[in-house]
Amino acid sequence: MKPKLVALTKFAKIKSMPYLSETSVIMDKNKTPLGFVFGRDAFITMLEHIDDEFDNRITDQKKYFDNPAGKLIDAIEERLPLNIDFVNKLKLTISSTNKSDYISIDEIVKNIHV
């Protein structure tokens, strides 16, 4: 019997994690887990969870950026294509914003009496 793919949701105690539906477990004939198969977004979400937990538990600030999960997220995100909808919305926002909508640094300094 060949190993088979089983949805991780059949085993997970926590059902609310969004990436579970995109994750499967490779099981052998004895139903022993051999590995996991993640969709791209599920894998990134899992890494973000690991990264967040690392950030919450770190006590030595020198090690804060020495996090393998965070480094892997950065490497993946560097290679992802830009979201065209986001780019178009950003261009529209930039073109529709008037300078009068901004408060200059000089104005802020004057108002907070620095």
N, C-alpha and C. Protein backbone atom coordinates (compact mmCIF):
# COMPACT_ATOMS: atom_id res chain seq x y z
N MET A 1 0.84 -1.17 0.00
CA MET A 1 0.00 0.00 0.00
C MET A 1 0.89 1.25 0.00
N LYS A 2 0.59 2.17 -0.89
CA LYS A 2 1.34 3.42 -0.98
C LYS A 2 0.92 4.37 0.13
N PRO A 3 1.84 5.28 0.51
CA PRO A 3 1.43 6.33 1.46
C PRO A 3 0.26 7.13 0.88
N LYS A 4 -0.61 7.62 1.75
CA LYS A 4 -1.73 8.41 1.24
C LYS A 4 -1.78 9.76 1.96
N LEU A 5 -2.44 10.70 1.30
CA LEU A 5 -2.59 12.05 1.81
C LEU A 5 -3.90 12.17 2.57
N VAL A 6 -3.84 12.69 3.81
CA VAL A 6 -5.01 12.87 4.63
C VAL A 6 -5.05 14.32 5.09
N ALA A 7 -6.21 14.95 5.04
CA ALA A 7 -6.36 16.35 5.46
C ALA A 7 -5.97 16.50 6.92
N LEU A 8 -5.17 17.51 7.22
CA LEU A 8 -4.74 17.76 8.59
C LEU A 8 -5.92 18.08 9.51
N THR A 9 -6.99 18.61 8.95
CA THR A 9 -8.16 18.95 9.77
C THR A 9 -8.75 17.73 10.47
N LYS A 10 -8.48 16.53 9.96
CA LYS A 10 -8.98 15.31 10.62
C LYS A 10 -8.26 15.04 11.93
N PHE A 11 -7.06 15.63 12.10
CA PHE A 11 -6.26 15.38 13.29
C PHE A 11 -6.17 16.57 14.23
N ALA A 12 -6.39 17.77 13.70
CA ALA A 12 -6.14 18.99 14.47
C ALA A 12 -7.16 19.17 15.58
N LYS A 13 -6.66 19.54 16.76
CA LYS A 13 -7.55 19.86 17.87
C LYS A 13 -8.08 21.27 17.74
N ILE A 14 -7.25 22.16 17.17
CA ILE A 14 -7.65 23.56 16.96
C ILE A 14 -8.14 23.69 15.53
N LYS A 15 -9.41 23.95 15.35
CA LYS A 15 -10.00 24.01 14.02
C LYS A 15 -10.00 25.42 13.43
N SER A 16 -9.67 26.43 14.25
CA SER A 16 -9.81 27.80 13.79
C SER A 16 -8.62 28.33 13.00
N MET A 17 -7.52 27.58 12.90
CA MET A 17 -6.36 28.07 12.16
C MET A 17 -6.66 28.02 10.67
N PRO A 18 -6.56 29.16 9.98
CA PRO A 18 -7.01 29.23 8.60
C PRO A 18 -6.22 28.35 7.62
N TYR A 19 -4.99 28.03 7.94
CA TYR A 19 -4.19 27.27 6.99
C TYR A 19 -4.43 25.76 7.06
N LEU A 20 -5.20 25.29 8.01
CA LEU A 20 -5.40 23.85 8.15
C LEU A 20 -6.06 23.23 6.93
N SER A 21 -6.96 23.96 6.28
CA SER A 21 -7.67 23.39 5.14
C SER A 21 -6.74 23.20 3.93
N GLU A 22 -5.59 23.87 3.93
CA GLU A 22 -4.64 23.74 2.83
C GLU A 22 -3.47 22.83 3.19
N THR A 23 -3.59 22.08 4.27
CA THR A 23 -2.49 21.25 4.75
C THR A 23 -2.93 19.80 4.84
N SER A 24 -2.03 18.91 4.42
CA SER A 24 -2.31 17.48 4.47
C SER A 24 -1.17 16.75 5.16
N VAL A 25 -1.47 15.55 5.63
CA VAL A 25 -0.47 14.69 6.27
C VAL A 25 -0.26 13.48 5.36
N ILE A 26 0.99 13.10 5.15
CA ILE A 26 1.31 11.89 4.40
C ILE A 26 1.38 10.75 5.42
N MET A 27 0.54 9.74 5.23
CA MET A 27 0.45 8.63 6.17
C MET A 27 0.89 7.33 5.48
N ASP A 28 1.60 6.49 6.23
CA ASP A 28 1.96 5.18 5.68
C ASP A 28 0.84 4.18 5.95
N LYS A 29 1.05 2.92 5.59
CA LYS A 29 0.00 1.91 5.73
C LYS A 29 -0.40 1.67 7.18
N ASN A 30 0.50 2.01 8.13
CA ASN A 30 0.20 1.85 9.56
C ASN A 30 -0.38 3.12 10.16
N LYS A 31 -0.72 4.08 9.30
CA LYS A 31 -1.26 5.38 9.70
C LYS A 31 -0.28 6.20 10.54
N THR A 32 1.00 5.99 10.26
CA THR A 32 2.06 6.77 10.90
C THR A 32 2.34 7.99 10.03
N PRO A 33 2.32 9.19 10.60
CA PRO A 33 2.62 10.39 9.81
C PRO A 33 4.06 10.36 9.30
N LEU A 34 4.23 10.60 8.01
CA LEU A 34 5.55 10.62 7.41
C LEU A 34 6.00 12.05 7.06
N GLY A 35 5.04 12.94 6.90
CA GLY A 35 5.37 14.32 6.55
C GLY A 35 4.12 15.12 6.31
N PHE A 36 4.33 16.38 5.95
CA PHE A 36 3.22 17.30 5.73
C PHE A 36 3.34 17.94 4.35
N VAL A 37 2.20 18.27 3.78
CA VAL A 37 2.15 18.98 2.50
C VAL A 37 1.37 20.27 2.75
N PHE A 38 2.04 21.39 2.47
CA PHE A 38 1.43 22.70 2.69
C PHE A 38 1.21 23.40 1.36
N GLY A 39 0.09 24.13 1.25
CA GLY A 39 -0.05 25.09 0.17
C GLY A 39 0.83 26.29 0.51
N ARG A 40 1.13 27.14 -0.47
CA ARG A 40 2.03 28.28 -0.24
C ARG A 40 1.53 29.17 0.90
N ASP A 41 0.27 29.58 0.82
CA ASP A 41 -0.28 30.48 1.84
C ASP A 41 -0.34 29.80 3.21
N ALA A 42 -0.64 28.51 3.22
CA ALA A 42 -0.69 27.78 4.48
C ALA A 42 0.70 27.72 5.11
N PHE A 43 1.71 27.51 4.29
CA PHE A 43 3.08 27.43 4.79
C PHE A 43 3.52 28.78 5.36
N ILE A 44 3.22 29.86 4.64
CA ILE A 44 3.58 31.19 5.12
C ILE A 44 2.84 31.52 6.41
N THR A 45 1.56 31.16 6.49
CA THR A 45 0.78 31.41 7.70
C THR A 45 1.36 30.65 8.89
N MET A 46 1.77 29.41 8.67
CA MET A 46 2.37 28.64 9.74
C MET A 46 3.68 29.29 10.19
N LEU A 47 4.50 29.72 9.22
CA LEU A 47 5.75 30.39 9.57
C LEU A 47 5.50 31.69 10.34
N GLU A 48 4.47 32.44 9.93
CA GLU A 48 4.12 33.68 10.64
C GLU A 48 3.73 33.38 12.09
N HIS A 49 3.01 32.28 12.29
CA HIS A 49 2.62 31.88 13.65
C HIS A 49 3.87 31.56 14.47
N ILE A 50 4.80 30.83 13.90
CA ILE A 50 6.05 30.50 14.58
C ILE A 50 6.83 31.78 14.88
N ASP A 51 6.89 32.68 13.90
CA ASP A 51 7.61 33.94 14.05
C ASP A 51 6.99 34.79 15.16
N ASP A 52 5.67 34.87 15.20
CA ASP A 52 4.98 35.63 16.25
C ASP A 52 5.26 35.06 17.64
N GLU A 53 5.22 33.75 17.74
CA GLU A 53 5.51 33.11 19.03
C GLU A 53 6.95 33.38 19.46
N PHE A 54 7.87 33.34 18.50
CA PHE A 54 9.27 33.65 18.79
C PHE A 54 9.38 35.08 19.32
N ASP A 55 8.72 36.02 18.62
CA ASP A 55 8.76 37.43 19.02
C ASP A 55 8.19 37.63 20.43
N ASN A 56 7.13 36.90 20.74
CA ASN A 56 6.49 37.04 22.06
C ASN A 56 7.33 36.48 23.19
N ARG A 57 8.19 35.52 22.89
CA ARG A 57 8.95 34.84 23.94
C ARG A 57 10.40 35.28 24.04
N ILE A 58 10.87 36.06 23.08
CA ILE A 58 12.28 36.45 23.07
C ILE A 58 12.57 37.42 24.22
N THR A 59 13.65 37.18 24.91
CA THR A 59 14.05 38.08 26.00
C THR A 59 15.34 38.81 25.64
N ASP A 60 16.16 38.22 24.81
CA ASP A 60 17.42 38.84 24.40
C ASP A 60 17.19 39.56 23.07
N GLN A 61 17.14 40.89 23.11
CA GLN A 61 16.85 41.68 21.91
C GLN A 61 17.88 41.48 20.81
N LYS A 62 19.10 41.05 21.16
CA LYS A 62 20.12 40.80 20.13
C LYS A 62 19.72 39.62 19.24
N LYS A 63 18.91 38.72 19.78
CA LYS A 63 18.47 37.54 19.03
C LYS A 63 17.15 37.77 18.30
N TYR A 64 16.56 38.95 18.49
CA TYR A 64 15.23 39.23 17.95
C TYR A 64 15.15 39.00 16.44
N PHE A 65 16.17 39.41 15.70
CA PHE A 65 16.15 39.26 14.25
C PHE A 65 16.85 37.98 13.79
N ASP A 66 17.31 37.17 14.72
CA ASP A 66 17.97 35.92 14.38
C ASP A 66 16.96 34.77 14.50
N ASN A 67 15.91 34.87 13.71
CA ASN A 67 14.80 33.93 13.78
C ASN A 67 14.67 33.22 12.43
N PRO A 68 14.92 31.93 12.37
CA PRO A 68 14.86 31.21 11.08
C PRO A 68 13.50 31.32 10.38
N ALA A 69 12.40 31.29 11.13
CA ALA A 69 11.07 31.41 10.51
C ALA A 69 10.91 32.77 9.86
N GLY A 70 11.32 33.83 10.55
CA GLY A 70 11.22 35.18 10.00
C GLY A 70 12.08 35.35 8.76
N LYS A 71 13.28 34.79 8.79
CA LYS A 71 14.18 34.87 7.63
C LYS A 71 13.60 34.12 6.43
N LEU A 72 12.98 32.98 6.68
CA LEU A 72 12.36 32.21 5.60
C LEU A 72 11.16 32.95 5.02
N ILE A 73 10.36 33.59 5.85
CA ILE A 73 9.23 34.40 5.38
C ILE A 73 9.74 35.50 4.46
N ASP A 74 10.79 36.21 4.89
CA ASP A 74 11.36 37.28 4.08
C ASP A 74 11.84 36.76 2.73
N ALA A 75 12.51 35.61 2.73
CA ALA A 75 13.02 35.05 1.48
C ALA A 75 11.88 34.68 0.53
N ILE A 76 10.79 34.13 1.07
CA ILE A 76 9.64 33.76 0.23
C ILE A 76 8.97 35.02 -0.30
N GLU A 77 8.72 36.00 0.57
CA GLU A 77 8.02 37.22 0.15
C GLU A 77 8.80 38.00 -0.90
N GLU A 78 10.13 37.94 -0.85
CA GLU A 78 10.95 38.64 -1.85
C GLU A 78 10.70 38.09 -3.25
N ARG A 79 10.29 36.84 -3.34
CA ARG A 79 10.11 36.20 -4.64
C ARG A 79 8.66 36.12 -5.11
N LEU A 80 7.73 36.55 -4.25
CA LEU A 80 6.31 36.54 -4.64
C LEU A 80 6.03 37.68 -5.61
N PRO A 81 5.17 37.46 -6.58
CA PRO A 81 4.81 38.56 -7.49
C PRO A 81 3.98 39.61 -6.77
N LEU A 82 4.07 40.85 -7.25
CA LEU A 82 3.27 41.93 -6.68
C LEU A 82 1.79 41.70 -6.97
N ASN A 83 0.96 42.06 -6.04
CA ASN A 83 -0.48 41.98 -6.22
C ASN A 83 -0.92 43.18 -7.07
N ILE A 84 -1.39 42.92 -8.28
CA ILE A 84 -1.74 43.98 -9.24
C ILE A 84 -2.84 44.88 -8.69
N ASP A 85 -3.83 44.32 -8.01
CA ASP A 85 -4.91 45.14 -7.42
C ASP A 85 -4.34 46.13 -6.41
N PHE A 86 -3.42 45.66 -5.57
CA PHE A 86 -2.80 46.53 -4.58
C PHE A 86 -2.02 47.65 -5.26
N VAL A 87 -1.25 47.32 -6.28
CA VAL A 87 -0.46 48.31 -7.01
C VAL A 87 -1.37 49.36 -7.63
N ASN A 88 -2.47 48.93 -8.26
CA ASN A 88 -3.39 49.88 -8.89
C ASN A 88 -4.07 50.78 -7.86
N LYS A 89 -4.47 50.22 -6.72
CA LYS A 89 -5.09 51.03 -5.66
C LYS A 89 -4.09 52.04 -5.10
N LEU A 90 -2.85 51.61 -4.94
CA LEU A 90 -1.82 52.51 -4.44
C LEU A 90 -1.59 53.67 -5.42
N LYS A 91 -1.53 53.36 -6.71
CA LYS A 91 -1.36 54.41 -7.72
C LYS A 91 -2.53 55.38 -7.69
N LEU A 92 -3.74 54.85 -7.57
CA LEU A 92 -4.94 55.69 -7.52
C LEU A 92 -4.92 56.59 -6.28
N THR A 93 -4.56 56.02 -5.15
CA THR A 93 -4.49 56.79 -3.90
C THR A 93 -3.46 57.90 -4.00
N ILE A 94 -2.30 57.58 -4.54
CA ILE A 94 -1.25 58.58 -4.66
C ILE A 94 -1.69 59.72 -5.58
N SER A 95 -2.31 59.36 -6.70
CA SER A 95 -2.71 60.39 -7.65
C SER A 95 -3.88 61.24 -7.15
N SER A 96 -4.72 60.68 -6.28
CA SER A 96 -5.90 61.43 -5.81
C SER A 96 -5.64 62.24 -4.54
N THR A 97 -4.51 62.01 -3.91
CA THR A 97 -4.21 62.72 -2.66
C THR A 97 -3.63 64.10 -2.98
N ASN A 98 -4.19 65.11 -2.36
CA ASN A 98 -3.69 66.47 -2.53
C ASN A 98 -2.68 66.78 -1.44
N LYS A 99 -1.77 67.69 -1.75
CA LYS A 99 -0.81 68.10 -0.73
C LYS A 99 -1.50 68.72 0.48
N SER A 100 -2.67 69.27 0.26
CA SER A 100 -3.39 69.87 1.39
C SER A 100 -3.84 68.82 2.39
N ASP A 101 -3.85 67.55 1.98
CA ASP A 101 -4.23 66.48 2.89
C ASP A 101 -3.11 66.13 3.88
N TYR A 102 -1.92 66.64 3.61
CA TYR A 102 -0.78 66.35 4.46
C TYR A 102 -0.56 67.45 5.47
N ILE A 103 0.00 67.08 6.60
CA ILE A 103 0.41 68.06 7.60
C ILE A 103 1.94 68.04 7.58
N SER A 104 2.53 69.19 7.35
CA SER A 104 3.99 69.24 7.24
C SER A 104 4.64 69.01 8.60
N ILE A 105 5.88 68.56 8.55
CA ILE A 105 6.65 68.36 9.77
C ILE A 105 6.78 69.69 10.52
N ASP A 106 6.99 70.78 9.78
CA ASP A 106 7.12 72.09 10.41
C ASP A 106 5.86 72.44 11.21
N GLU A 107 4.70 72.13 10.64
CA GLU A 107 3.43 72.41 11.32
C GLU A 107 3.30 71.57 12.59
N ILE A 108 3.71 70.32 12.51
CA ILE A 108 3.64 69.42 13.67
C ILE A 108 4.55 69.95 14.78
N VAL A 109 5.78 70.30 14.40
CA VAL A 109 6.74 70.82 15.39
C VAL A 109 6.20 72.07 16.05
N LYS A 110 5.63 72.97 15.25
CA LYS A 110 5.08 74.21 15.78
C LYS A 110 3.94 73.93 16.77
N ASN A 111 3.08 72.96 16.46
CA ASN A 111 1.91 72.67 17.28
C ASN A 111 2.24 71.91 18.57
N ILE A 112 3.31 71.19 18.57
CA ILE A 112 3.66 70.46 19.81
C ILE A 112 4.75 71.19 20.59
N HIS A 113 5.11 72.40 20.10
CA HIS A 113 6.05 73.29 20.79
C HIS A 113 7.41 72.65 21.04
N VAL A 114 7.95 72.06 19.99
CA VAL A 114 9.28 71.43 20.11
C VAL A 114 10.33 72.42 19.68
